[in-house]
Protein backbone atom coordinates (compact mmCIF):
# COMPACT_ATOMS: atom_id res chain seq x y z
CA UNK A 1 -55.03 -62.09 -15.29
CA UNK A 2 -57.99 -59.78 -15.54
CA UNK A 3 -57.40 -58.56 -12.02
CA UNK A 4 -53.78 -57.88 -12.86
CA UNK A 5 -54.66 -55.98 -16.01
CA UNK A 6 -57.22 -53.85 -14.24
CA UNK A 7 -54.76 -53.17 -11.45
CA UNK A 8 -52.12 -52.06 -13.92
CA UNK A 9 -54.55 -49.71 -15.59
CA UNK A 10 -55.41 -48.26 -12.21
CA UNK A 11 -51.76 -47.70 -11.38
CA UNK A 12 -51.17 -46.08 -14.77
CA UNK A 13 -54.05 -43.72 -14.12
CA UNK A 14 -52.60 -42.77 -10.77
CA UNK A 15 -49.18 -42.07 -12.29
CA UNK A 16 -50.56 -39.66 -14.88
CA UNK A 17 -50.93 -36.69 -12.46
CA UNK A 18 -47.38 -37.37 -11.25
CA UNK A 19 -46.11 -37.12 -14.85
CA UNK A 20 -48.02 -33.86 -15.30
CA UNK A 21 -46.52 -32.42 -12.11
CA UNK A 22 -43.02 -33.46 -13.17
CA UNK A 23 -43.46 -31.89 -16.61
CA UNK A 24 -44.83 -28.72 -15.00
CA UNK A 25 -41.83 -28.54 -12.61
CA UNK A 26 -39.38 -28.98 -15.49
CA UNK A 27 -41.12 -26.21 -17.43
CA UNK A 28 -40.89 -23.85 -14.45
CA UNK A 29 -37.21 -24.73 -14.00
CA UNK A 30 -36.44 -24.01 -17.67
CA UNK A 31 -38.25 -20.67 -17.48
CA UNK A 32 -36.30 -19.79 -14.30
CA UNK A 33 -32.98 -20.69 -15.91
CA UNK A 34 -33.92 -18.65 -18.99
CA UNK A 35 -34.70 -15.63 -16.78
CA UNK A 36 -31.37 -15.97 -14.98
CA UNK A 37 -29.52 -16.37 -18.28
CA UNK A 38 -31.19 -13.29 -19.74
CA UNK A 39 -30.46 -11.30 -16.63
CA UNK A 40 -26.76 -12.20 -16.81
CA UNK A 41 -26.45 -11.12 -20.44
CA UNK A 42 -25.36 -7.54 -21.07
CA UNK A 43 -24.81 -5.64 -24.30
CA UNK A 44 -23.02 -2.34 -23.71
CA UNK A 45 -21.59 0.48 -25.83
CA UNK A 46 -18.36 2.20 -24.75
CA UNK A 47 -16.43 5.10 -26.27
CA UNK A 48 -12.85 5.95 -25.36
CA UNK A 49 -13.70 9.65 -25.79
CA UNK A 50 -16.54 11.88 -24.64
CA UNK A 51 -15.01 14.90 -26.34
CA UNK A 52 -12.91 14.76 -29.49
CA UNK A 53 -11.26 17.19 -31.93
CA UNK A 54 -12.68 17.61 -35.42
CA UNK A 55 -9.65 16.14 -37.18
CA UNK A 56 -9.00 13.46 -34.58
CA UNK A 57 -10.47 9.99 -34.19
CA UNK A 58 -11.86 7.72 -31.46
CA UNK A 59 -13.05 4.15 -30.87
CA UNK A 60 -16.55 2.86 -30.13
CA UNK A 61 -16.88 -0.70 -28.84
CA UNK A 62 -20.05 -2.80 -28.53
CA UNK A 63 -19.52 -5.67 -26.05
CA UNK A 64 -21.76 -8.67 -25.35
CA UNK A 65 -21.12 -10.27 -21.95
CA UNK A 66 -21.72 -13.94 -21.03
CA UNK A 67 -23.49 -14.93 -24.25
CA UNK A 68 -22.90 -15.74 -27.91
CA UNK A 69 -24.61 -13.45 -30.37
CA UNK A 70 -25.28 -13.15 -34.07
CA UNK A 71 -26.93 -10.87 -36.65
CA UNK A 72 -25.11 -7.83 -35.27
CA UNK A 73 -26.48 -4.51 -36.57
CA UNK A 74 -24.39 -1.39 -36.07
CA UNK A 75 -26.03 2.01 -35.52
CA UNK A 76 -26.07 4.70 -38.19
CA UNK A 77 -22.73 6.58 -38.10
CA UNK A 78 -24.01 9.37 -40.35
CA UNK A 79 -22.04 12.11 -38.56
CA UNK A 80 -18.79 10.12 -38.61
CA UNK A 81 -16.48 8.46 -41.08
CA UNK A 82 -15.63 4.83 -40.38
CA UNK A 83 -11.83 4.56 -40.55
CA UNK A 84 -11.70 0.95 -39.40
CA UNK A 85 -14.02 -1.80 -38.23
CA UNK A 86 -15.72 -3.66 -37.04
CA UNK A 87 -12.75 -5.44 -35.43
CA UNK A 88 -14.12 -8.50 -33.61
CA UNK A 89 -12.50 -9.92 -30.45
CA UNK A 90 -13.58 -12.69 -28.11
CA UNK A 91 -12.26 -13.66 -24.68
CA UNK A 92 -13.09 -16.18 -21.95
CA UNK A 93 -11.86 -16.10 -18.35
CA UNK A 94 -12.36 -18.20 -15.22
CA UNK A 95 -12.03 -16.41 -11.86
CA UNK A 96 -12.71 -18.28 -8.59
CA UNK A 97 -14.43 -21.05 -10.50
CA UNK A 98 -16.80 -18.70 -12.33
CA UNK A 99 -16.54 -18.49 -16.11
CA UNK A 100 -17.22 -15.28 -18.00
CA UNK A 101 -16.84 -14.39 -21.65
CA UNK A 102 -16.93 -11.27 -23.78
CA UNK A 103 -17.59 -10.68 -27.45
CA UNK A 104 -16.62 -7.18 -28.67
CA UNK A 105 -16.93 -5.27 -31.98
CA UNK A 106 -14.89 -2.06 -32.30
CA UNK A 107 -15.21 0.80 -34.82
CA UNK A 108 -12.66 3.59 -35.30
CA UNK A 109 -14.47 6.80 -36.23
CA UNK A 110 -13.58 10.33 -37.31
CA UNK A 111 -16.10 13.18 -36.92
CA UNK A 112 -17.33 15.08 -39.98
CA UNK A 113 -18.44 18.30 -38.29
CA UNK A 114 -18.44 20.22 -35.01
CA UNK A 115 -21.28 19.64 -32.55
CA UNK A 116 -22.70 17.14 -30.10
CA UNK A 117 -23.89 13.93 -31.72
CA UNK A 118 -25.59 10.77 -30.52
CA UNK A 119 -24.51 7.31 -31.62
CA UNK A 120 -27.67 5.24 -31.62
CA UNK A 121 -28.45 1.75 -30.41
CA UNK A 122 -26.69 -1.31 -31.77
CA UNK A 123 -28.53 -4.65 -31.95
CA UNK A 124 -27.47 -8.26 -31.57
CA UNK A 125 -29.43 -11.49 -31.51
CA UNK A 126 -28.98 -13.94 -28.62
CA UNK A 127 -30.98 -17.09 -29.21
CA UNK A 128 -34.40 -15.85 -30.27
CA UNK A 129 -34.11 -12.52 -28.47
CA UNK A 130 -32.87 -9.16 -29.79
CA UNK A 131 -30.73 -7.15 -27.32
CA UNK A 132 -29.97 -3.45 -27.77
CA UNK A 133 -27.20 -1.24 -26.41
CA UNK A 134 -27.83 2.23 -25.01
CA UNK A 135 -27.00 5.29 -27.15
CA UNK A 136 -23.91 7.33 -26.29
CA UNK A 137 -23.12 10.99 -26.84
CA UNK A 138 -19.95 12.47 -28.41
CA UNK A 139 -18.96 16.14 -28.37
CA UNK A 140 -16.85 17.32 -31.32
CA UNK A 141 -14.87 20.57 -30.88
CA UNK A 142 -12.39 22.51 -32.97
CA UNK A 143 -8.89 22.55 -31.57
CA UNK A 144 -6.08 25.09 -31.68
CA UNK A 145 -4.73 23.87 -34.97
CA UNK A 146 -3.38 20.55 -33.77
CA UNK A 147 -1.26 19.57 -30.79
CA UNK A 148 1.89 21.52 -31.78
CA UNK A 149 1.40 24.11 -29.03
CA UNK A 150 0.13 21.59 -26.47
CA UNK A 151 2.20 20.30 -23.60
CA UNK A 152 3.64 16.94 -24.60
CA UNK A 153 2.58 15.15 -21.44
CA UNK A 154 1.93 15.73 -17.75
CA UNK A 155 0.48 13.91 -14.76
CA UNK A 156 -1.94 15.16 -12.10
CA UNK A 157 -2.87 14.00 -8.61
CA UNK A 158 -6.67 14.11 -8.51
CA UNK A 159 -8.33 13.51 -5.10
CA UNK A 160 -12.04 12.72 -5.05
CA UNK A 161 -12.50 15.44 -2.41
CA UNK A 162 -10.24 18.09 -0.89
CA UNK A 163 -12.23 18.55 2.32
CA UNK A 164 -12.96 15.46 4.36
CA UNK A 165 -13.86 14.23 7.83
CA UNK A 166 -11.26 12.38 9.87
CA UNK A 167 -11.48 8.69 8.92
CA UNK A 168 -13.36 9.30 5.64
CA UNK A 169 -12.21 7.45 2.54
CA UNK A 170 -10.64 9.65 -0.15
CA UNK A 171 -9.90 8.26 -3.60
CA UNK A 172 -6.66 9.59 -5.11
CA UNK A 173 -5.93 9.08 -8.82
CA UNK A 174 -2.59 9.74 -10.47
CA UNK A 175 -3.64 10.48 -14.05
CA UNK A 176 -1.47 10.76 -17.14
CA UNK A 177 -2.26 13.20 -19.99
CA UNK A 178 -0.17 12.60 -23.10
CA UNK A 179 0.03 13.44 -26.80
CA UNK A 180 2.72 10.83 -27.45
CA UNK A 181 2.70 7.05 -27.19
CA UNK A 182 3.89 5.86 -23.79
CA UNK A 183 5.57 2.47 -23.65
CA UNK A 184 6.86 2.27 -20.04
CA UNK A 185 6.35 3.93 -16.68
CA UNK A 186 8.49 3.79 -13.54
CA UNK A 187 7.73 5.43 -10.18
CA UNK A 188 10.88 7.16 -8.87
CA UNK A 189 9.53 8.53 -5.58
CA UNK A 190 6.17 8.79 -3.86
CA UNK A 191 4.64 10.65 -0.94
CA UNK A 192 4.80 8.98 2.48
CA UNK A 193 1.16 10.06 2.97
CA UNK A 194 1.91 11.32 6.45
CA UNK A 195 -1.28 11.59 8.49
CA UNK A 196 -3.13 9.10 6.27
CA UNK A 197 -3.67 5.37 6.21
CA UNK A 198 -3.04 4.56 2.54
CA UNK A 199 -4.05 1.45 0.59
CA UNK A 200 -3.38 0.71 -3.09
CA UNK A 201 -6.43 -0.04 -5.23
CA UNK A 202 -5.68 -2.78 -7.76
CA UNK A 203 -8.99 -3.03 -9.62
CA UNK A 204 -10.09 0.15 -11.34
CA UNK A 205 -10.86 1.35 -14.86
CA UNK A 206 -7.41 1.80 -16.39
CA UNK A 207 -8.52 2.10 -20.02
CA UNK A 208 -7.16 4.87 -22.21
CA UNK A 209 -9.63 7.72 -22.72
CA UNK A 210 -9.28 10.64 -25.14
CA UNK A 211 -10.00 14.08 -23.70
CA UNK A 212 -9.75 17.61 -25.02
CA UNK A 213 -7.84 19.90 -22.65
CA UNK A 214 -7.55 23.59 -23.56
CA UNK A 215 -8.24 22.81 -27.20
CA UNK A 216 -5.66 20.01 -27.41
CA UNK A 217 -6.35 16.28 -27.78
CA UNK A 218 -4.84 14.08 -25.06
CA UNK A 219 -4.89 10.37 -24.37
CA UNK A 220 -5.49 9.94 -20.64
CA UNK A 221 -5.03 7.01 -18.32
CA UNK A 222 -5.11 6.46 -14.56
CA UNK A 223 -1.62 5.22 -13.64
CA UNK A 224 -2.28 4.56 -9.95
CA UNK A 225 -5.20 4.72 -7.53
CA UNK A 226 -5.09 4.92 -3.74
CA UNK A 227 -7.61 4.91 -0.92
CA UNK A 228 -6.61 7.43 1.75
CA UNK A 229 -8.06 7.58 5.26
CA UNK A 230 -7.01 10.71 7.20
CA UNK A 231 -6.01 9.82 10.75
CA UNK A 232 -5.78 13.33 12.17
CA UNK A 233 -7.42 16.68 11.72
CA UNK A 234 -6.00 19.81 10.14
CA UNK A 235 -4.37 20.55 6.81
CA UNK A 236 -2.66 17.43 5.43
CA UNK A 237 -0.48 17.44 2.31
CA UNK A 238 0.34 14.80 -0.28
CA UNK A 239 3.85 15.25 -1.66
CA UNK A 240 4.53 15.01 -5.42
CA UNK A 241 4.75 11.71 -7.28
CA UNK A 242 7.85 11.49 -9.48
CA UNK A 243 7.56 9.21 -12.50
CA UNK A 244 9.89 8.39 -15.39
CA UNK A 245 7.92 7.67 -18.56
CA UNK A 246 9.18 5.98 -21.69
CA UNK A 247 7.82 7.48 -24.93
CA UNK A 248 8.17 5.76 -28.28
CA UNK A 249 10.44 7.65 -30.69
CA UNK A 250 8.47 8.12 -33.90
CA UNK A 251 10.24 7.56 -37.23
CA UNK A 252 10.04 5.59 -40.43
CA UNK A 253 13.18 3.64 -39.64
CA UNK A 254 11.81 2.34 -36.33
CA UNK A 255 11.05 -1.34 -36.35
CA UNK A 256 10.26 -3.94 -33.73
CA UNK A 257 11.02 -7.64 -33.84
CA UNK A 258 12.29 -10.39 -31.56
CA UNK A 259 15.80 -8.93 -31.55
CA UNK A 260 15.07 -5.24 -32.15
CA UNK A 261 12.66 -3.10 -30.12
CA UNK A 262 11.45 0.40 -30.67
CA UNK A 263 13.63 3.21 -29.40
CA UNK A 264 12.39 4.70 -26.12
CA UNK A 265 12.83 8.30 -24.99
CA UNK A 266 12.89 8.88 -21.21
CA UNK A 267 10.65 11.72 -19.98
CA UNK A 268 10.38 12.73 -16.29
CA UNK A 269 7.01 13.83 -14.93
CA UNK A 270 5.94 15.12 -11.53
CA UNK A 271 2.63 15.97 -9.87
CA UNK A 272 1.98 19.05 -7.80
CA UNK A 273 1.60 18.97 -4.03
CA UNK A 274 -2.04 18.73 -3.02
CA UNK A 275 -3.66 19.72 0.27
CA UNK A 276 -6.54 18.01 2.08
CA UNK A 277 -8.45 19.85 4.80
CA UNK A 278 -9.52 17.32 7.45
CA UNK A 279 -12.33 18.25 9.84
CA UNK A 280 -12.93 16.71 13.28
CA UNK A 281 -16.09 14.68 13.76
CA UNK A 282 -19.01 16.49 15.40
CA UNK A 283 -19.30 16.22 19.19
CA UNK A 284 -21.91 14.24 21.14
CA UNK A 285 -21.27 10.94 19.39
CA UNK A 286 -23.55 8.04 20.46
CA UNK A 287 -22.20 5.66 23.09
CA UNK A 288 -22.05 2.85 20.52
CA UNK A 289 -19.77 4.86 18.21
CA UNK A 290 -16.25 3.37 17.98
CA UNK A 291 -14.71 5.18 15.01
CA UNK A 292 -16.62 3.96 11.93
CA UNK A 293 -16.74 6.71 9.28
CA UNK A 294 -18.34 6.07 5.89
CA UNK A 295 -21.36 4.31 4.48
CA UNK A 296 -22.15 1.00 6.22
CA UNK A 297 -24.62 -1.84 6.16
CA UNK A 298 -25.13 -3.34 9.61
CA UNK A 299 -26.87 -6.59 10.54
CA UNK A 300 -27.22 -8.48 13.81
CA UNK A 301 -28.18 -12.03 14.68
CA UNK A 302 -28.35 -14.47 17.62
CA UNK A 303 -27.84 -18.21 17.54
CA UNK A 304 -30.85 -19.13 19.70
CA UNK A 305 -33.93 -17.52 21.22
CA UNK A 306 -34.76 -20.13 23.87
CA UNK A 307 -32.10 -21.18 26.39
CA UNK A 308 -31.61 -22.18 30.00
CA UNK A 309 -29.28 -20.76 32.61
CA UNK A 310 -26.82 -23.52 31.64
CA UNK A 311 -26.51 -22.26 28.03
CA UNK A 312 -24.63 -19.46 26.29
CA UNK A 313 -26.02 -17.08 23.67
CA UNK A 314 -23.99 -15.80 20.73
CA UNK A 315 -24.84 -12.28 19.49
CA UNK A 316 -23.06 -11.25 16.28
CA UNK A 317 -22.78 -7.78 14.74
CA UNK A 318 -21.98 -7.87 11.00
CA UNK A 319 -20.56 -4.60 9.64
CA UNK A 320 -19.86 -3.92 5.96
CA UNK A 321 -18.97 -0.63 4.30
CA UNK A 322 -16.42 1.68 2.71
CA UNK A 323 -14.76 2.87 5.93
CA UNK A 324 -11.45 1.82 7.45
CA UNK A 325 -12.58 -1.54 8.80
CA UNK A 326 -9.41 -2.13 10.84
CA UNK A 327 -10.03 0.94 12.99
CA UNK A 328 -13.55 -0.10 14.00
CA UNK A 329 -13.60 -1.42 17.55
CA UNK A 330 -16.29 -3.52 19.24
CA UNK A 331 -18.90 -1.26 20.86
CA UNK A 332 -19.85 -1.75 24.50
CA UNK A 333 -23.36 -3.11 24.19
CA UNK A 334 -25.96 -2.53 26.89
CA UNK A 335 -27.18 -6.03 27.81
CA UNK A 336 -29.47 -6.80 30.79
CA UNK A 337 -27.61 -7.16 34.10
CA UNK A 338 -29.04 -10.67 34.45
CA UNK A 339 -26.50 -11.79 31.83
CA UNK A 340 -22.80 -12.43 32.28
CA UNK A 341 -21.14 -10.84 29.22
CA UNK A 342 -17.71 -11.95 28.00
CA UNK A 343 -15.27 -9.75 26.12
CA UNK A 344 -16.27 -9.46 22.44
CA UNK A 345 -14.05 -10.96 19.78
CA UNK A 346 -13.64 -10.45 16.06
CA UNK A 347 -14.57 -13.68 14.24
CA UNK A 348 -14.26 -12.28 10.70
CA UNK A 349 -12.38 -9.36 9.17
CA UNK A 350 -11.75 -8.81 5.48
CA UNK A 351 -10.99 -5.99 3.04
CA UNK A 352 -11.92 -6.06 -0.64
CA UNK A 353 -12.32 -3.78 -3.64
CA UNK A 354 -15.56 -2.95 -5.39
CA UNK A 355 -16.36 -0.32 -8.01
CA UNK A 356 -12.89 1.20 -7.62
CA UNK A 357 -13.21 1.71 -3.85
CA UNK A 358 -11.94 -0.09 -0.78
CA UNK A 359 -14.56 -1.90 1.29
CA UNK A 360 -14.36 -3.96 4.43
CA UNK A 361 -16.42 -6.35 6.49
CA UNK A 362 -16.14 -7.34 10.13
CA UNK A 363 -18.14 -9.72 12.34
CA UNK A 364 -17.99 -9.13 16.10
CA UNK A 365 -19.30 -11.82 18.45
CA UNK A 366 -20.58 -11.34 22.02
CA UNK A 367 -21.06 -14.36 24.28
CA UNK A 368 -23.70 -14.05 27.01
CA UNK A 369 -24.60 -16.48 29.80
CA UNK A 370 -27.95 -15.86 31.55
CA UNK A 371 -27.87 -15.98 35.34
CA UNK A 372 -31.61 -15.79 36.01
CA UNK A 373 -34.63 -17.30 34.21
CA UNK A 374 -37.15 -14.99 32.59
CA UNK A 375 -38.12 -13.11 29.43
CA UNK A 376 -35.48 -10.70 28.10
CA UNK A 377 -34.90 -8.46 25.10
CA UNK A 378 -31.48 -7.99 23.50
CA UNK A 379 -30.95 -4.97 21.25
CA UNK A 380 -27.44 -4.82 19.72
CA UNK A 381 -26.46 -1.30 18.64
CA UNK A 382 -23.79 0.09 16.36
CA UNK A 383 -23.16 3.68 15.27
CA UNK A 384 -21.22 5.23 12.41
CA UNK A 385 -20.69 8.70 11.05
CA UNK A 386 -22.09 9.25 7.54
CA UNK A 387 -20.00 11.90 5.68
CA UNK A 388 -22.73 12.57 3.11
CA UNK A 389 -25.34 13.62 5.67
CA UNK A 390 -22.75 14.75 8.27
CA UNK A 391 -24.71 12.83 10.91
CA UNK A 392 -24.22 9.90 13.24
CA UNK A 393 -26.34 6.93 12.21
CA UNK A 394 -27.41 4.51 14.95
CA UNK A 395 -28.32 0.93 14.06
CA UNK A 396 -30.52 -0.70 16.69
CA UNK A 397 -33.34 -2.06 14.55
CA UNK A 398 -33.18 -5.69 15.65
CA UNK A 399 -34.55 -6.56 19.07
CA UNK A 400 -34.33 -10.25 19.93
CA UNK A 401 -36.76 -11.77 22.43
CA UNK A 402 -34.99 -14.42 24.51
CA UNK A 403 -36.73 -16.92 26.76
CA UNK A 404 -34.48 -18.17 29.58
CA UNK A 405 -35.54 -21.21 31.52
CA UNK A 406 -34.13 -22.64 34.73
CA UNK A 407 -31.16 -24.89 34.12
CA UNK A 408 -29.90 -27.81 36.14
CA UNK A 409 -27.78 -25.49 38.33
CA UNK A 410 -25.52 -28.41 39.18
CA UNK A 411 -22.92 -27.45 41.76
CA UNK A 412 -20.13 -29.48 43.28
CA UNK A 413 -21.22 -30.27 46.82
CA UNK A 414 -18.63 -29.99 49.61
CA UNK A 415 -18.99 -33.07 51.78
CA UNK A 416 -16.85 -34.64 54.51
CA UNK A 417 -14.61 -37.46 53.49
CA UNK A 418 -15.90 -40.92 54.52
CA UNK A 419 -14.42 -42.37 57.68
CA UNK A 420 -12.10 -45.35 57.21
CA UNK A 421 -13.46 -48.74 58.23
CA UNK A 422 -12.38 -49.80 61.68
CA UNK A 423 -10.77 -53.21 61.74
CA UNK A 424 -10.20 -52.98 65.51
CA UNK A 425 -11.91 -51.05 68.26
CA UNK A 426 -8.69 -49.26 69.23
CA UNK A 427 -7.18 -48.91 65.77
CA UNK A 428 -7.23 -45.08 65.97
CA UNK A 429 -5.18 -44.88 69.19
CA UNK A 430 -1.49 -44.03 69.04
CA UNK A 431 1.13 -44.85 71.64
CA UNK A 432 3.30 -41.90 70.44
CA UNK A 433 1.32 -38.63 70.07
CA UNK A 434 3.32 -37.31 67.03
CA UNK A 435 0.77 -34.89 65.60
CA UNK A 436 2.90 -33.97 62.61
CA UNK A 437 2.96 -37.53 61.37
CA UNK A 438 -0.64 -38.30 62.25
CA UNK A 439 -1.94 -35.38 60.08
CA UNK A 440 -4.18 -34.12 62.86
CA UNK A 441 -3.43 -30.44 62.28
CA UNK A 442 -3.65 -30.94 58.49
CA UNK A 443 -7.15 -32.39 58.81
CA UNK A 444 -8.13 -29.61 61.18
CA UNK A 445 -6.86 -27.01 58.71
CA UNK A 446 -8.94 -28.44 55.88
CA UNK A 447 -12.00 -28.52 58.15
CA UNK A 448 -11.68 -24.86 59.11
CA UNK A 449 -10.95 -23.88 55.52
CA UNK A 450 -14.13 -25.55 54.31
CA UNK A 451 -16.07 -24.03 57.20
CA UNK A 452 -14.89 -20.48 56.53
CA UNK A 453 -15.03 -20.68 52.71
CA UNK A 454 -18.72 -19.53 52.36
CA UNK A 455 -18.07 -16.52 54.60
CA UNK A 456 -14.96 -15.61 52.62
CA UNK A 457 -16.93 -15.89 49.37
CA UNK A 458 -19.71 -13.66 50.70
CA UNK A 459 -17.18 -11.09 51.87
CA UNK A 460 -15.43 -11.15 48.50
CA UNK A 461 -18.72 -10.71 46.64
CA UNK A 462 -19.66 -7.76 48.84
CA UNK A 463 -16.25 -6.15 48.34
CA UNK A 464 -16.44 -6.68 44.57
CA UNK A 465 -19.92 -5.14 44.47
CA UNK A 466 -18.73 -2.08 46.40
CA UNK A 467 -15.68 -1.66 44.15
CA UNK A 468 -17.79 -2.06 41.02
CA UNK A 469 -20.31 0.53 42.25
CA UNK A 470 -17.46 2.91 42.96
CA UNK A 471 -15.94 2.19 39.54
CA UNK A 472 -19.26 2.76 37.76
CA UNK A 473 -19.62 6.13 39.43
CA UNK A 474 -16.30 7.30 38.02
CA UNK A 475 -16.01 9.38 34.89
CA UNK A 476 -15.39 7.06 31.88
CA UNK A 477 -12.52 9.28 30.76
CA UNK A 478 -10.94 8.95 34.22
CA UNK A 479 -11.33 5.17 34.07
CA UNK A 480 -9.63 5.05 30.68
CA UNK A 481 -6.85 7.25 32.07
CA UNK A 482 -6.23 4.83 34.92
CA UNK A 483 -6.27 1.81 32.61
CA UNK A 484 -4.21 3.43 29.84
CA UNK A 485 -0.99 1.57 30.59
CA UNK A 486 -2.77 -1.77 31.02
CA UNK A 487 -4.57 -1.35 27.68
CA UNK A 488 -1.29 -0.43 25.98
CA UNK A 489 0.47 -3.46 27.47
CA UNK A 490 -2.30 -5.73 26.20
CA UNK A 491 -1.83 -4.35 22.68
CA UNK A 492 1.93 -4.80 22.96
CA UNK A 493 1.41 -8.47 23.82
CA UNK A 494 -0.65 -8.82 20.63
CA UNK A 495 2.05 -6.96 18.69
CA UNK A 496 4.67 -9.37 20.02
CA UNK A 497 2.65 -12.32 18.75
CA UNK A 498 2.44 -10.70 15.29
CA UNK A 499 6.21 -10.10 15.39
CA UNK A 500 6.88 -13.76 16.19
CA UNK A 501 4.59 -14.78 13.32
CA UNK A 502 6.40 -12.31 11.00
CA UNK A 503 3.20 -10.35 10.30
CA UNK A 504 4.76 -6.92 9.89
CA UNK A 505 1.65 -4.94 8.95
CA UNK A 506 -0.39 -6.31 11.84
CA UNK A 507 2.58 -5.69 14.15
CA UNK A 508 2.99 -2.01 13.27
CA UNK A 509 -0.78 -1.52 13.36
CA UNK A 510 -0.91 -2.79 16.96
CA UNK A 511 2.13 -0.70 17.97
CA UNK A 512 0.47 2.39 16.49
CA UNK A 513 -2.81 1.64 18.28
CA UNK A 514 -0.95 1.03 21.55
CA UNK A 515 0.89 4.35 21.45
CA UNK A 516 -1.95 6.52 20.13
CA UNK A 517 -4.48 4.82 22.39
CA UNK A 518 -2.18 5.38 25.38
CA UNK A 519 -1.81 9.12 24.80
CA UNK A 520 -5.54 9.53 24.07
CA UNK A 521 -6.51 7.79 27.32
CA UNK A 522 -3.69 9.06 29.51
CA UNK A 523 -3.84 12.67 28.36
CA UNK A 524 -7.65 12.60 27.92
CA UNK A 525 -7.48 13.70 24.28
CA UNK A 526 -10.61 12.89 22.21
CA UNK A 527 -9.64 10.72 19.25
CA UNK A 528 -11.30 13.15 16.85
CA UNK A 529 -8.90 15.87 18.06
CA UNK A 530 -5.77 13.73 18.00
CA UNK A 531 -2.90 15.46 16.19
CA UNK A 532 0.86 15.20 16.56
CA UNK A 533 1.09 18.85 17.59
CA UNK A 534 -1.61 18.31 20.21
CA UNK A 535 0.19 15.27 21.66
CA UNK A 536 3.53 17.07 21.70
CA UNK A 537 2.05 20.14 23.40
CA UNK A 538 0.32 18.07 26.10
CA UNK A 539 3.47 16.05 26.84
CA UNK A 540 5.46 19.25 27.15
CA UNK A 541 2.88 20.62 29.57
CA UNK A 542 3.37 17.53 31.77
CA UNK A 543 7.12 18.19 31.97
CA UNK A 544 8.11 15.15 29.92
CA UNK A 545 11.71 15.49 28.74
CA UNK A 546 12.05 16.91 25.23
CA UNK A 547 14.26 14.04 24.12
CA UNK A 548 11.61 11.52 25.18
CA UNK A 549 8.92 13.46 23.34
CA UNK A 550 11.04 13.37 20.17
CA UNK A 551 11.55 9.63 20.58
CA UNK A 552 7.81 9.18 21.03
CA UNK A 553 6.95 11.14 17.88
CA UNK A 554 9.67 9.37 15.88
CA UNK A 555 8.30 5.95 16.82
CA UNK A 556 4.80 6.97 15.74
CA UNK A 557 6.21 8.15 12.41
CA UNK A 558 8.07 4.85 12.00
CA UNK A 559 4.78 2.98 12.39
CA UNK A 560 3.08 5.23 9.84
CA UNK A 561 5.88 4.69 7.35
CA UNK A 562 5.74 0.93 7.86
CA UNK A 563 1.96 0.84 7.41
CA UNK A 564 2.01 2.98 4.29
CA UNK A 565 5.21 1.81 2.57
CA UNK A 566 5.68 -1.65 4.10
CA UNK A 567 8.58 -2.81 6.29
CA UNK A 568 9.19 -6.56 6.55
CA UNK A 569 12.53 -6.43 8.42
CA UNK A 570 12.27 -8.56 11.57
CA UNK A 571 15.21 -6.70 13.13
CA UNK A 572 13.38 -3.39 12.64
CA UNK A 573 10.26 -4.84 14.28
CA UNK A 574 12.26 -5.96 17.31
CA UNK A 575 13.88 -2.53 17.65
CA UNK A 576 10.49 -0.80 17.38
CA UNK A 577 9.01 -3.16 19.99
CA UNK A 578 11.87 -2.58 22.48
CA UNK A 579 11.74 1.17 21.87
CA UNK A 580 7.98 1.25 22.50
CA UNK A 581 8.31 -0.69 25.77
CA UNK A 582 10.97 1.69 27.03
CA UNK A 583 9.07 4.78 25.87
CA UNK A 584 5.79 3.86 27.55
CA UNK A 585 7.58 3.10 30.81
CA UNK A 586 9.52 6.38 30.62
CA UNK A 587 6.48 8.51 29.79
CA UNK A 588 4.42 6.77 32.47
CA UNK A 589 7.03 7.51 35.14
CA UNK A 590 7.38 11.11 33.92
CA UNK A 591 3.62 11.74 34.11
CA UNK A 592 3.39 10.22 37.58
């Protein structure tokens, strides 16, 4: 018993450090969770007006994100009169399994005097910590004696830039300015955005903001936002947007209930035509440039650094940025000649919205099989044009050292078939020498085939090497010209698959790439200089019939319309496919 007691005491002494370590780990974990929780909490101040008229009013909202607060202390509104507030609202949402909540307090204020005033910090208590908002500034101006002389409402098309590079993303906002309450909005007609690839942006700040325009107070709101990517150079125009707005008719006898709604007055509105000047990309682009224009983050990786000649290596380029991700092609990477390189393939492609812009990501995989053992270095490269610096940026930062060992090199040996066992000494003799039935000539043919096969293989390898050397010495533009039809046919096969799967957007995208890629390669037109007028002029110079040129241009326009406006009619896809096949064959025969 004494031994047992002493042993238990010894074990208890040994477990004490373990308890201390466990308590220390739990403390660290709690501190880490507290840091994360604090980092996720935000307390922000927002005003629906940066500039306001003296006799007007505006709202200031203080919002706490992802936390529950108490002991709220508003800032000193000494330069403003509080008309209403604080109005408290709370909301909780779950998106993709992630829960978020907001707790907001809103004040409606009216300025007391003209000038620029600061609304100070608000405070709220979260747990044992006090969180403060940032101060905001409000400019108070004197108007023109109210909004009587102001235009009732209007809309404007506001591009982020009016001079862009081909392929650069342009944000286009359709913004409403109104002095009356708008209940409904209905788009009557919209530009076809000819010369652009256009994509609707769904997530943007669509809150109402008060602005002072020419001394009049307007409530403003972005009705629609688009991402535009110019596909050709020159002066491109965006036609007007026609909208029918429904304004609430003001009056004391207006009421709204389950059976009666407020009376709506229909008001048409229309934007002005806007022009975008699109510049061609600078010459002397790097060899790894394949059309990426914008701001990009590029990464590269390999799946293994030590292989044998029996193994394959996967090299992946990961591209992410605000350019047109669909137009980015796989660059031709310069790998050592001791590797057999397969055609690259896209293993991931996705578009998404962030901060009111369109972003995309694409992963391109290259499979390599080493032919010789040794030490090698692989340096994947990717280039893009940065509009901000007006320069080509080359990514080749990652160099991977690869150790290739000798593999098994197992080959199927060609050996003679075993002779059949002889049951009699004269079993192989025939009384009737019928060679056709005996298979004598057939056996002889196989023998000579196996004998000559190594010489045929050596001759084929020599011929292939000579042809490849001759091909490598050709001008790349001339090579693309020769392979133009083959490349277009390959894209048409992909388009046909999309048509059978009823993927209209992917179908028209491949048709467009097939046709534009064909004319670029066949007519040796740089993609940065591709315009409809240029294509038409070059086809005319090659004596292509005018009616075929018009058909060609019409088909390209059909693809643009389908990509921009959408066209899900399977019959229309089949007609476009048949028309493209016939056109390419006709133009090819005309050029020859």
